[in-house]
Amino acid sequence: MKIIRHVFVIALLVLLLANISTHSVAKSRKGQRPLPTIRFGALPVIQTLPLFVAFEKGYFTRHGVTVELIPFNSALEKDVALTAREISGYFGDMMTPMVLNANGIHIRMAATIFNSTNNQRTFAILAAPNSPNRTLKELTEAGVAGSSNTIIEYITLKILSFHDIQMENLNMIETKNIPIRLQMLLSGQVPSATLPEPLVTLAELKGARVVADDAGKGISPTVLAFRLEFLKEHPAEVKKFLAAVHEAISFINQNPKEVRPIMNRYCRIPEPLQQDFIIPKFPKLTAPDYNQVMDVYNWLRKKGIIKAEMNYKQMVSDGYLP
């Protein structure tokens, strides 16, 4: 399965990375602990906007914490760095910390940074341009381009469940690479596809049709997670980090026009959308929802991706919120 193979690849790459990595450690005064630099992994997606705003506006510095935002182009790169202890924490979906924990790499989710609880979508199922006007169930059976055993499959199934479509009806067309998935949809090589924003809006601009999405359903949380070791050793710094992100969220919600240049610079917004793409409202930082965490975990267990038994407290540390 993809996630299991993913973990093996991480383990192999970590062995290589450990041989070539260098570490710089600040010298401490006698009897004092060095103040750590939080090296935080971030993907170039819209949900990470508060991290980049906090960095650009100086909120991390204002809250007394030194932060390096480490950009990664793929989740695999990020997971390798995390496993090799090259980063303190990272942004991502709920699945990765669960899988890593199940494989002995101790990670804890500290906060939910975004979810599709408001009337704004994060993912959608789209029909190809100029395709027959099929129902959602017909499209599901004809084929939905996506990636099985991943957050894409989970969210696709969740969206379908809101329309009383059973998982047995889903014909998932394996297309792991998201840009390729978009091109296959736009060229009519697949009947439909599940895509994230802002590619949903871009696909609509090019003639694709949204048939269902996650807006208002609260099924697409993304989280801020840290290595358990780092949380235990530097709780004050983690609290300051989250307080700075909280301040950035407030600024984004009150001043969306002012953060557009930051969004365009860091969040990989397609050029045709850079002036008009709607900047989402970010919710207040909260602890990952118990029911949602356990639902994702139970899905991974049912799929056989995770075999270890874990409870909520083995996946979440919620004592760091501002």
Foldseek 3Di string as FASTA:
>chain_A
DVVVVLVVVLVVVLVVCLVPDDDDDDDDDPPDDDADEAEEEEEQALLCLLVLLLVVVVLLVVLPHHYHYDYDHDPSVVSSCVQNVVGFWYKWFQPVQVLCVLVPQQKAFAWWWAFQQAQDFFKFKKFAAPDPPDAPLVLQQQEAEEAPPDVQLVQVQVFVVVVVHHPVSGHYDYDHDQVVSLVCRHVVVGGIYMHGPPSVVVSVVSGIGTNTGCHNVGQTIMTMMGRPVCCVVCLVSLLSSQVSSQVSLVCCQVCVVVSLVVSVVRNPHPPVCSVPPDNDRIDGIAWPDQVSSVVSVVVCVVVVSRVDDDHNVSHHDHPRHD
